[in-house]
Amino acid sequence: MFEKKSVVVDGKIITANGPGAAEEFGRAIVEVLTKEK
């Protein structure tokens, strides 16, 4: 499925649409990792 977003989080899967989304991608990774226990 295609979404017009810079970063998409689906459970444990995180994708980004390119280098321009690096900062947002990094924040999404941190958010997912800090939520898991």
Protein backbone atom coordinates (compact mmCIF):
# COMPACT_ATOMS: atom_id res chain seq x y z
CA MET A 1 0.00 0.00 0.00
CA PHE A 2 1.35 3.44 -0.92
CA GLU A 3 0.97 6.41 1.40
CA LYS A 4 1.98 10.00 0.68
CA LYS A 5 3.79 10.47 3.99
CA SER A 6 7.46 11.03 4.76
CA VAL A 7 7.48 8.31 7.42
CA VAL A 8 5.05 5.44 7.96
CA VAL A 9 4.98 3.31 11.12
CA ASP A 10 3.08 0.02 10.98
CA GLY A 11 3.71 -1.96 14.13
CA LYS A 12 7.42 -2.76 14.13
CA ILE A 13 7.88 -1.73 10.48
CA ILE A 14 9.09 1.83 9.88
CA THR A 15 9.68 3.17 6.38
CA ALA A 16 10.69 6.54 4.98
CA ASN A 17 10.56 8.03 1.51
CA GLY A 18 14.19 9.16 1.23
CA PRO A 19 17.05 11.14 2.76
CA GLY A 20 14.85 14.19 3.28
CA ALA A 21 12.88 12.25 5.89
CA ALA A 22 15.95 11.19 7.92
CA GLU A 23 15.20 13.33 10.97
CA GLU A 24 11.55 12.29 11.14
CA PHE A 25 12.58 8.66 10.51
CA GLY A 26 15.02 8.80 13.43
CA ARG A 27 12.37 10.22 15.72
CA ALA A 28 9.95 7.46 14.71
CA ILE A 29 12.58 4.82 15.52
CA VAL A 30 13.22 6.32 18.95
CA GLU A 31 9.49 6.51 19.64
CA VAL A 32 8.92 2.85 18.73
CA LEU A 33 11.95 1.66 20.71
CA THR A 34 11.01 3.60 23.83
CA LYS A 35 7.41 2.30 23.75
CA GLU A 36 8.43 -1.39 23.66
CA LYS A 37 8.90 -3.16 26.96
